[in-house]
N, C-alpha and C. Protein backbone atom coordinates (compact mmCIF):
# COMPACT_ATOMS: atom_id res chain seq x y z
N VAL A 1 19.51 -14.24 82.58
CA VAL A 1 20.79 -14.87 82.36
C VAL A 1 21.36 -14.28 81.07
N ASP A 2 22.54 -13.70 81.15
CA ASP A 2 23.17 -13.05 80.00
C ASP A 2 24.23 -13.98 79.43
N VAL A 3 24.07 -14.40 78.18
CA VAL A 3 24.98 -15.34 77.54
C VAL A 3 25.80 -14.60 76.49
N GLY A 4 27.11 -14.72 76.58
CA GLY A 4 27.98 -14.09 75.60
C GLY A 4 29.08 -15.03 75.17
N GLY A 5 29.51 -14.90 73.92
CA GLY A 5 30.56 -15.76 73.39
C GLY A 5 31.79 -15.02 72.96
N GLU A 6 31.88 -13.72 73.33
CA GLU A 6 33.04 -12.91 72.96
C GLU A 6 33.27 -11.88 74.06
N SER A 7 34.51 -11.79 74.50
CA SER A 7 34.85 -10.82 75.53
C SER A 7 34.98 -9.43 74.94
N THR A 8 34.61 -8.42 75.72
CA THR A 8 34.80 -7.03 75.32
C THR A 8 35.81 -6.33 76.22
N ARG A 9 36.53 -7.11 77.02
CA ARG A 9 37.54 -6.51 77.91
C ARG A 9 38.66 -5.89 77.06
N PRO A 10 39.39 -4.97 77.65
CA PRO A 10 40.49 -4.35 76.89
C PRO A 10 41.46 -5.39 76.33
N GLY A 11 41.78 -5.26 75.05
CA GLY A 11 42.73 -6.15 74.41
C GLY A 11 42.19 -7.49 73.98
N ALA A 12 40.89 -7.72 74.16
CA ALA A 12 40.29 -9.01 73.79
C ALA A 12 40.35 -9.20 72.28
N GLU A 13 40.62 -10.44 71.88
CA GLU A 13 40.65 -10.79 70.47
C GLU A 13 39.22 -10.98 69.96
N PRO A 14 38.91 -10.46 68.78
CA PRO A 14 37.59 -10.69 68.20
C PRO A 14 37.37 -12.18 67.92
N VAL A 15 36.13 -12.60 68.02
CA VAL A 15 35.75 -13.99 67.75
C VAL A 15 34.97 -14.00 66.44
N PRO A 16 35.33 -14.87 65.50
CA PRO A 16 34.58 -14.95 64.24
C PRO A 16 33.10 -15.30 64.50
N VAL A 17 32.23 -14.83 63.64
CA VAL A 17 30.79 -15.02 63.80
C VAL A 17 30.43 -16.49 63.99
N ASP A 18 30.92 -17.37 63.12
CA ASP A 18 30.57 -18.79 63.22
C ASP A 18 30.99 -19.39 64.56
N GLU A 19 32.17 -19.03 65.02
CA GLU A 19 32.65 -19.54 66.31
C GLU A 19 31.79 -19.01 67.46
N GLU A 20 31.43 -17.74 67.40
CA GLU A 20 30.58 -17.17 68.45
C GLU A 20 29.22 -17.86 68.48
N ILE A 21 28.66 -18.14 67.31
CA ILE A 21 27.39 -18.86 67.25
C ILE A 21 27.54 -20.25 67.85
N GLU A 22 28.64 -20.94 67.53
CA GLU A 22 28.88 -22.28 68.08
C GLU A 22 29.01 -22.24 69.61
N ARG A 23 29.46 -21.13 70.15
CA ARG A 23 29.60 -20.99 71.60
C ARG A 23 28.25 -20.72 72.27
N VAL A 24 27.46 -19.84 71.68
CA VAL A 24 26.28 -19.37 72.40
C VAL A 24 25.01 -20.17 72.16
N VAL A 25 24.81 -20.68 70.95
CA VAL A 25 23.55 -21.37 70.66
C VAL A 25 23.35 -22.60 71.55
N PRO A 26 24.34 -23.49 71.70
CA PRO A 26 24.12 -24.63 72.59
C PRO A 26 23.89 -24.20 74.05
N THR A 27 24.52 -23.11 74.44
CA THR A 27 24.34 -22.62 75.81
C THR A 27 22.92 -22.10 76.01
N VAL A 28 22.42 -21.32 75.06
CA VAL A 28 21.05 -20.82 75.15
C VAL A 28 20.07 -21.99 75.15
N GLU A 29 20.29 -22.97 74.29
CA GLU A 29 19.40 -24.13 74.24
C GLU A 29 19.42 -24.90 75.57
N ALA A 30 20.60 -25.06 76.16
CA ALA A 30 20.69 -25.77 77.44
C ALA A 30 19.99 -25.01 78.55
N ILE A 31 20.16 -23.70 78.57
CA ILE A 31 19.51 -22.89 79.59
C ILE A 31 17.99 -22.95 79.43
N GLN A 32 17.52 -23.02 78.20
CA GLN A 32 16.08 -23.09 77.96
C GLN A 32 15.46 -24.36 78.54
N SER A 33 16.26 -25.37 78.81
CA SER A 33 15.72 -26.61 79.38
C SER A 33 15.52 -26.52 80.90
N VAL A 34 16.01 -25.48 81.52
CA VAL A 34 15.82 -25.29 82.96
C VAL A 34 14.36 -24.87 83.20
N PRO A 35 13.66 -25.54 84.13
CA PRO A 35 12.22 -25.26 84.31
C PRO A 35 11.88 -23.78 84.51
N ALA A 36 12.61 -23.06 85.34
CA ALA A 36 12.28 -21.65 85.58
C ALA A 36 12.40 -20.82 84.31
N VAL A 37 13.34 -21.19 83.46
CA VAL A 37 13.53 -20.47 82.19
C VAL A 37 12.41 -20.86 81.23
N ALA A 38 12.16 -22.16 81.14
CA ALA A 38 11.11 -22.66 80.23
C ALA A 38 9.75 -22.10 80.62
N ASP A 39 9.53 -21.86 81.92
CA ASP A 39 8.26 -21.31 82.40
C ASP A 39 8.17 -19.80 82.19
N GLY A 40 9.25 -19.18 81.76
CA GLY A 40 9.24 -17.73 81.52
C GLY A 40 9.54 -16.90 82.75
N ASP A 41 9.95 -17.55 83.85
CA ASP A 41 10.28 -16.81 85.07
C ASP A 41 11.66 -16.16 85.00
N VAL A 42 12.50 -16.64 84.11
CA VAL A 42 13.85 -16.12 83.92
C VAL A 42 14.05 -15.85 82.44
N LEU A 43 14.57 -14.68 82.12
CA LEU A 43 14.83 -14.33 80.73
C LEU A 43 16.28 -14.63 80.37
N VAL A 44 16.49 -14.96 79.11
CA VAL A 44 17.83 -15.22 78.59
C VAL A 44 18.15 -14.13 77.59
N SER A 45 19.28 -13.45 77.83
CA SER A 45 19.72 -12.42 76.87
C SER A 45 20.96 -12.91 76.16
N ILE A 46 21.12 -12.44 74.93
CA ILE A 46 22.33 -12.73 74.17
C ILE A 46 23.15 -11.45 74.14
N ASP A 47 24.35 -11.56 74.66
CA ASP A 47 25.28 -10.43 74.75
C ASP A 47 26.20 -10.50 73.54
N THR A 48 25.87 -9.73 72.51
CA THR A 48 26.65 -9.76 71.29
C THR A 48 26.55 -8.43 70.58
N ARG A 49 27.53 -8.19 69.72
CA ARG A 49 27.49 -7.00 68.87
C ARG A 49 27.31 -7.40 67.41
N LYS A 50 27.06 -8.69 67.16
CA LYS A 50 26.97 -9.21 65.80
C LYS A 50 25.54 -9.64 65.48
N PRO A 51 24.96 -9.06 64.42
CA PRO A 51 23.58 -9.39 64.07
C PRO A 51 23.33 -10.88 63.82
N ALA A 52 24.22 -11.57 63.15
CA ALA A 52 24.01 -12.99 62.86
C ALA A 52 23.99 -13.82 64.15
N VAL A 53 24.81 -13.44 65.10
CA VAL A 53 24.84 -14.14 66.39
C VAL A 53 23.53 -13.87 67.13
N ALA A 54 23.09 -12.62 67.12
CA ALA A 54 21.84 -12.27 67.79
C ALA A 54 20.68 -13.07 67.19
N ALA A 55 20.60 -13.12 65.87
CA ALA A 55 19.52 -13.84 65.20
C ALA A 55 19.55 -15.33 65.54
N ALA A 56 20.74 -15.93 65.53
CA ALA A 56 20.86 -17.36 65.84
C ALA A 56 20.45 -17.63 67.29
N ALA A 57 20.85 -16.76 68.20
CA ALA A 57 20.50 -16.95 69.61
C ALA A 57 19.00 -16.77 69.83
N LEU A 58 18.39 -15.80 69.16
CA LEU A 58 16.94 -15.65 69.26
C LEU A 58 16.23 -16.90 68.74
N ASP A 59 16.72 -17.45 67.63
CA ASP A 59 16.15 -18.68 67.09
C ASP A 59 16.29 -19.85 68.07
N ALA A 60 17.35 -19.81 68.88
CA ALA A 60 17.61 -20.88 69.86
C ALA A 60 16.82 -20.68 71.15
N GLY A 61 16.14 -19.53 71.27
CA GLY A 61 15.30 -19.31 72.44
C GLY A 61 15.66 -18.12 73.31
N ALA A 62 16.67 -17.35 72.95
CA ALA A 62 16.98 -16.15 73.73
C ALA A 62 15.79 -15.20 73.68
N ASP A 63 15.63 -14.44 74.76
CA ASP A 63 14.48 -13.55 74.87
C ASP A 63 14.79 -12.11 74.50
N LEU A 64 16.04 -11.70 74.67
CA LEU A 64 16.40 -10.32 74.39
C LEU A 64 17.84 -10.22 73.96
N ILE A 65 18.17 -9.07 73.36
CA ILE A 65 19.52 -8.82 72.87
C ILE A 65 20.16 -7.75 73.74
N ASN A 66 21.41 -7.98 74.10
CA ASN A 66 22.21 -7.03 74.87
C ASN A 66 23.37 -6.62 73.96
N ASP A 67 23.26 -5.44 73.36
CA ASP A 67 24.24 -4.99 72.37
C ASP A 67 25.18 -3.94 72.97
N VAL A 68 26.43 -4.33 73.18
CA VAL A 68 27.41 -3.43 73.79
C VAL A 68 27.79 -2.27 72.87
N THR A 69 27.40 -2.31 71.62
CA THR A 69 27.70 -1.20 70.71
C THR A 69 26.52 -0.23 70.60
N GLY A 70 25.47 -0.46 71.36
CA GLY A 70 24.35 0.46 71.34
C GLY A 70 23.63 0.54 70.00
N LEU A 71 23.52 -0.59 69.33
CA LEU A 71 22.84 -0.68 68.03
C LEU A 71 23.54 0.14 66.95
N SER A 72 24.85 0.18 66.99
CA SER A 72 25.58 0.94 65.98
C SER A 72 25.49 0.31 64.60
N ASP A 73 25.29 -1.01 64.54
CA ASP A 73 25.19 -1.72 63.27
C ASP A 73 23.74 -1.68 62.77
N PRO A 74 23.49 -1.12 61.59
CA PRO A 74 22.12 -1.09 61.05
C PRO A 74 21.48 -2.47 60.94
N GLU A 75 22.30 -3.50 60.66
CA GLU A 75 21.76 -4.86 60.58
C GLU A 75 21.26 -5.34 61.94
N MET A 76 21.93 -4.92 63.02
CA MET A 76 21.47 -5.30 64.36
C MET A 76 20.13 -4.63 64.65
N ARG A 77 20.00 -3.39 64.24
CA ARG A 77 18.71 -2.71 64.43
C ARG A 77 17.61 -3.45 63.69
N GLU A 78 17.92 -3.95 62.50
CA GLU A 78 16.94 -4.70 61.71
C GLU A 78 16.57 -6.01 62.40
N VAL A 79 17.57 -6.72 62.95
CA VAL A 79 17.29 -7.97 63.67
C VAL A 79 16.35 -7.71 64.83
N VAL A 80 16.65 -6.67 65.60
CA VAL A 80 15.82 -6.34 66.78
C VAL A 80 14.41 -5.95 66.34
N ALA A 81 14.31 -5.09 65.35
CA ALA A 81 12.99 -4.65 64.88
C ALA A 81 12.17 -5.82 64.36
N ASP A 82 12.79 -6.69 63.56
CA ASP A 82 12.07 -7.84 63.01
C ASP A 82 11.61 -8.80 64.10
N ALA A 83 12.46 -8.99 65.13
CA ALA A 83 12.12 -9.92 66.20
C ALA A 83 11.10 -9.32 67.17
N GLY A 84 11.09 -7.98 67.28
CA GLY A 84 10.18 -7.34 68.24
C GLY A 84 10.54 -7.66 69.67
N CYS A 85 11.81 -8.00 69.88
CA CYS A 85 12.25 -8.41 71.22
C CYS A 85 12.81 -7.22 71.99
N PRO A 86 12.90 -7.36 73.31
CA PRO A 86 13.56 -6.31 74.09
C PRO A 86 15.05 -6.24 73.72
N VAL A 87 15.64 -5.06 73.93
CA VAL A 87 17.05 -4.85 73.61
C VAL A 87 17.68 -3.94 74.65
N VAL A 88 18.89 -4.29 75.06
CA VAL A 88 19.70 -3.43 75.92
C VAL A 88 20.61 -2.63 75.00
N VAL A 89 20.50 -1.31 75.08
CA VAL A 89 21.31 -0.40 74.28
C VAL A 89 22.33 0.22 75.21
N MET A 90 23.58 -0.19 75.05
CA MET A 90 24.64 0.26 75.94
C MET A 90 25.43 1.40 75.32
N HIS A 91 25.90 2.29 76.16
CA HIS A 91 26.80 3.35 75.70
C HIS A 91 28.22 2.80 75.65
N SER A 92 28.83 2.92 74.50
CA SER A 92 30.25 2.59 74.37
C SER A 92 30.77 3.28 73.11
N LEU A 93 32.02 3.64 73.16
CA LEU A 93 32.66 4.20 71.98
C LEU A 93 33.42 3.12 71.23
N ASP A 94 33.89 2.12 71.97
CA ASP A 94 34.66 1.02 71.39
C ASP A 94 34.24 -0.30 72.03
N ALA A 95 34.09 -1.32 71.22
CA ALA A 95 33.87 -2.67 71.73
C ALA A 95 34.55 -3.62 70.76
N PRO A 96 35.50 -4.41 71.24
CA PRO A 96 36.04 -4.44 72.59
C PRO A 96 36.66 -3.09 72.98
N VAL A 97 36.83 -2.92 74.28
CA VAL A 97 37.36 -1.68 74.83
C VAL A 97 38.77 -1.45 74.30
N ASP A 98 39.02 -0.24 73.85
CA ASP A 98 40.36 0.18 73.40
C ASP A 98 41.02 0.92 74.55
N PRO A 99 41.99 0.28 75.20
CA PRO A 99 42.60 0.90 76.39
C PRO A 99 43.35 2.19 76.08
N THR A 100 43.64 2.45 74.80
CA THR A 100 44.34 3.70 74.46
C THR A 100 43.37 4.86 74.25
N ASN A 101 42.09 4.55 74.16
CA ASN A 101 41.09 5.60 73.97
C ASN A 101 40.80 6.23 75.33
N ASP A 102 40.96 7.52 75.44
CA ASP A 102 40.72 8.22 76.69
C ASP A 102 39.86 9.46 76.40
N PRO A 103 38.55 9.24 76.18
CA PRO A 103 37.71 10.37 75.82
C PRO A 103 37.59 11.36 76.97
N GLU A 104 37.40 12.60 76.61
CA GLU A 104 37.19 13.64 77.61
C GLU A 104 35.73 14.06 77.57
N TYR A 105 35.10 14.00 78.72
CA TYR A 105 33.70 14.39 78.83
C TYR A 105 33.63 15.74 79.54
N ASP A 106 32.72 16.61 79.07
CA ASP A 106 32.45 17.83 79.82
C ASP A 106 31.76 17.45 81.12
N ASP A 107 30.79 16.57 81.01
CA ASP A 107 30.06 16.01 82.14
C ASP A 107 29.69 14.59 81.70
N ALA A 108 30.32 13.61 82.31
CA ALA A 108 30.17 12.23 81.85
C ALA A 108 28.70 11.80 81.79
N VAL A 109 27.93 12.14 82.80
CA VAL A 109 26.53 11.72 82.84
C VAL A 109 25.74 12.39 81.72
N ASP A 110 25.88 13.69 81.59
CA ASP A 110 25.15 14.40 80.53
C ASP A 110 25.57 13.90 79.15
N ASP A 111 26.88 13.67 78.97
CA ASP A 111 27.37 13.22 77.67
C ASP A 111 26.89 11.80 77.34
N VAL A 112 26.87 10.91 78.32
CA VAL A 112 26.38 9.55 78.09
C VAL A 112 24.88 9.57 77.80
N ILE A 113 24.14 10.37 78.53
CA ILE A 113 22.70 10.49 78.26
C ILE A 113 22.48 11.01 76.84
N GLY A 114 23.26 12.01 76.44
CA GLY A 114 23.14 12.54 75.08
C GLY A 114 23.44 11.48 74.02
N ALA A 115 24.49 10.70 74.25
CA ALA A 115 24.84 9.64 73.30
C ALA A 115 23.74 8.58 73.24
N LEU A 116 23.16 8.24 74.39
CA LEU A 116 22.08 7.26 74.40
C LEU A 116 20.82 7.80 73.72
N ARG A 117 20.58 9.10 73.84
CA ARG A 117 19.45 9.71 73.11
C ARG A 117 19.61 9.48 71.60
N GLU A 118 20.84 9.66 71.11
CA GLU A 118 21.10 9.43 69.68
C GLU A 118 20.83 7.98 69.30
N ARG A 119 21.25 7.04 70.16
CA ARG A 119 21.01 5.62 69.89
C ARG A 119 19.52 5.30 69.91
N LEU A 120 18.80 5.92 70.83
CA LEU A 120 17.35 5.70 70.89
C LEU A 120 16.67 6.23 69.63
N ALA A 121 17.16 7.34 69.11
CA ALA A 121 16.60 7.87 67.86
C ALA A 121 16.85 6.90 66.71
N LEU A 122 18.05 6.31 66.66
CA LEU A 122 18.34 5.31 65.63
C LEU A 122 17.41 4.10 65.77
N ALA A 123 17.18 3.68 67.00
CA ALA A 123 16.30 2.53 67.25
C ALA A 123 14.89 2.84 66.79
N GLU A 124 14.39 4.01 67.14
CA GLU A 124 13.03 4.37 66.73
C GLU A 124 12.91 4.47 65.22
N THR A 125 13.92 5.03 64.57
CA THR A 125 13.91 5.14 63.12
C THR A 125 13.88 3.76 62.47
N ALA A 126 14.51 2.78 63.11
CA ALA A 126 14.55 1.41 62.59
C ALA A 126 13.27 0.64 62.88
N GLY A 127 12.34 1.24 63.63
CA GLY A 127 11.09 0.57 63.94
C GLY A 127 11.10 -0.23 65.22
N ILE A 128 12.08 0.04 66.08
CA ILE A 128 12.15 -0.65 67.37
C ILE A 128 11.24 0.07 68.35
N ASP A 129 10.34 -0.67 68.96
CA ASP A 129 9.39 -0.12 69.91
C ASP A 129 10.13 0.40 71.15
N ARG A 130 9.95 1.66 71.47
CA ARG A 130 10.63 2.29 72.61
C ARG A 130 10.35 1.54 73.91
N ASP A 131 9.18 0.93 74.02
CA ASP A 131 8.85 0.17 75.23
C ASP A 131 9.70 -1.08 75.39
N LYS A 132 10.42 -1.46 74.35
CA LYS A 132 11.26 -2.67 74.38
C LYS A 132 12.73 -2.34 74.67
N VAL A 133 13.06 -1.05 74.85
CA VAL A 133 14.45 -0.64 74.99
C VAL A 133 14.83 -0.43 76.45
N ILE A 134 15.97 -0.98 76.81
CA ILE A 134 16.60 -0.81 78.13
C ILE A 134 17.93 -0.13 77.86
N VAL A 135 18.26 0.91 78.60
CA VAL A 135 19.54 1.58 78.39
C VAL A 135 20.55 1.17 79.46
N ASP A 136 21.81 1.15 79.06
CA ASP A 136 22.92 0.78 79.94
C ASP A 136 23.99 1.87 79.78
N PRO A 137 24.35 2.57 80.86
CA PRO A 137 25.36 3.63 80.76
C PRO A 137 26.75 3.14 80.38
N GLY A 138 26.99 1.84 80.44
CA GLY A 138 28.27 1.29 79.98
C GLY A 138 29.43 1.53 80.94
N LEU A 139 29.25 1.14 82.20
CA LEU A 139 30.34 1.29 83.17
C LEU A 139 31.60 0.60 82.65
N GLY A 140 32.71 1.31 82.68
CA GLY A 140 33.98 0.73 82.25
C GLY A 140 34.22 0.80 80.76
N PHE A 141 33.24 1.23 80.00
CA PHE A 141 33.40 1.40 78.57
C PHE A 141 33.62 2.89 78.32
N ASP A 142 34.86 3.26 78.15
CA ASP A 142 35.20 4.65 77.81
C ASP A 142 34.92 5.64 78.92
N THR A 143 34.91 5.17 80.16
CA THR A 143 34.80 6.07 81.29
C THR A 143 35.86 5.68 82.31
N SER A 144 36.37 6.68 83.01
CA SER A 144 37.32 6.42 84.09
C SER A 144 36.56 5.84 85.28
N SER A 145 37.29 5.37 86.27
CA SER A 145 36.64 4.85 87.48
C SER A 145 35.80 5.93 88.13
N ALA A 146 36.34 7.15 88.22
CA ALA A 146 35.59 8.25 88.84
C ALA A 146 34.31 8.53 88.06
N GLU A 147 34.41 8.51 86.74
CA GLU A 147 33.22 8.75 85.91
C GLU A 147 32.21 7.62 86.05
N ALA A 148 32.68 6.39 86.17
CA ALA A 148 31.77 5.26 86.35
C ALA A 148 31.01 5.38 87.67
N PHE A 149 31.72 5.78 88.73
CA PHE A 149 31.03 5.97 90.01
C PHE A 149 30.06 7.15 89.93
N GLU A 150 30.39 8.17 89.16
CA GLU A 150 29.47 9.28 88.97
C GLU A 150 28.22 8.82 88.22
N LEU A 151 28.38 7.96 87.24
CA LEU A 151 27.22 7.40 86.52
C LEU A 151 26.30 6.67 87.49
N ILE A 152 26.89 5.90 88.39
CA ILE A 152 26.08 5.18 89.37
C ILE A 152 25.40 6.17 90.32
N ASP A 153 26.17 7.15 90.80
CA ASP A 153 25.64 8.12 91.76
C ASP A 153 24.48 8.91 91.18
N ARG A 154 24.54 9.18 89.89
CA ARG A 154 23.52 10.02 89.24
C ARG A 154 22.60 9.22 88.32
N VAL A 155 22.47 7.92 88.60
CA VAL A 155 21.67 7.05 87.74
C VAL A 155 20.24 7.54 87.60
N GLY A 156 19.72 8.23 88.57
CA GLY A 156 18.36 8.75 88.50
C GLY A 156 18.14 9.68 87.31
N GLU A 157 19.20 10.34 86.86
CA GLU A 157 19.08 11.26 85.73
C GLU A 157 18.77 10.53 84.42
N PHE A 158 19.05 9.23 84.38
CA PHE A 158 18.76 8.46 83.16
C PHE A 158 17.27 8.27 82.96
N ALA A 159 16.46 8.58 83.97
CA ALA A 159 15.01 8.51 83.83
C ALA A 159 14.52 9.44 82.72
N ALA A 160 15.31 10.46 82.41
CA ALA A 160 14.95 11.39 81.33
C ALA A 160 14.84 10.67 79.98
N LEU A 161 15.45 9.51 79.85
CA LEU A 161 15.40 8.74 78.60
C LEU A 161 14.10 7.94 78.48
N ASP A 162 13.35 7.86 79.57
CA ASP A 162 12.07 7.16 79.58
C ASP A 162 12.21 5.69 79.20
N CYS A 163 13.26 5.06 79.71
CA CYS A 163 13.52 3.64 79.51
C CYS A 163 14.03 3.05 80.81
N PRO A 164 13.82 1.75 81.02
CA PRO A 164 14.48 1.12 82.16
C PRO A 164 15.99 1.22 82.00
N VAL A 165 16.70 1.20 83.13
CA VAL A 165 18.16 1.33 83.13
C VAL A 165 18.77 0.05 83.69
N LEU A 166 19.75 -0.48 82.99
CA LEU A 166 20.51 -1.65 83.43
C LEU A 166 21.91 -1.19 83.77
N ILE A 167 22.40 -1.58 84.92
CA ILE A 167 23.78 -1.27 85.31
C ILE A 167 24.56 -2.57 85.33
N GLY A 168 25.47 -2.73 84.37
CA GLY A 168 26.34 -3.90 84.35
C GLY A 168 27.59 -3.58 85.13
N HIS A 169 27.69 -4.08 86.35
CA HIS A 169 28.75 -3.64 87.24
C HIS A 169 29.74 -4.73 87.66
N SER A 170 29.54 -5.95 87.26
CA SER A 170 30.39 -7.03 87.75
C SER A 170 31.77 -7.02 87.10
N HIS A 171 32.75 -7.46 87.84
CA HIS A 171 34.12 -7.61 87.34
C HIS A 171 34.66 -6.34 86.71
N LYS A 172 34.38 -5.21 87.30
CA LYS A 172 34.84 -3.95 86.74
C LYS A 172 36.11 -3.50 87.46
N SER A 173 37.06 -3.04 86.70
CA SER A 173 38.32 -2.57 87.26
C SER A 173 38.11 -1.33 88.13
N MET A 174 36.99 -0.66 87.96
CA MET A 174 36.71 0.55 88.74
C MET A 174 36.74 0.27 90.25
N TYR A 175 36.43 -0.97 90.65
CA TYR A 175 36.43 -1.28 92.08
C TYR A 175 37.83 -1.26 92.68
N GLY A 176 38.84 -1.42 91.84
CA GLY A 176 40.22 -1.33 92.32
C GLY A 176 40.60 0.06 92.73
N ALA A 177 39.81 1.07 92.30
CA ALA A 177 40.09 2.46 92.65
C ALA A 177 39.63 2.82 94.04
N ILE A 178 38.88 1.91 94.68
CA ILE A 178 38.39 2.20 96.02
C ILE A 178 39.50 1.90 97.02
N GLY A 179 39.83 2.88 97.84
CA GLY A 179 40.96 2.76 98.79
C GLY A 179 40.62 2.00 100.03
């Protein structure tokens, strides 16, 4: 179960740290009372780009961190390393998404894999155990619909990163491109 208190959709307004904590901590605590979650059969992730929010959610019982900025903040890397928890490292150039940003990729899959390699190096340097890292190609974050479908089509190539791969595909505008 992925819990988030701030949208990263294009044009979304940032949420102050204290407000985001007020949104997610009670939710994580409530989810922890569900028997399947309490028994460890279901994991709870905190979807945030803010280290203080991640730390508060972990204290409330979250099991892993889902960082849409790919651990760009050194403090987030420290939170993850100190907690020893699993982390989703997503590829994104902007979070929230900047609709005016239109990056050009030579090859979207190769370029995203390269960017994730850099994030993995940052994680390892910070003391994050590689076995705890899950990579996310970041569908809809700085990729066109065609590029997002190419990421899905070539997802097997992400095995080169030697990490599990998470594909966050729900509510993506890319599906509107299907005729």
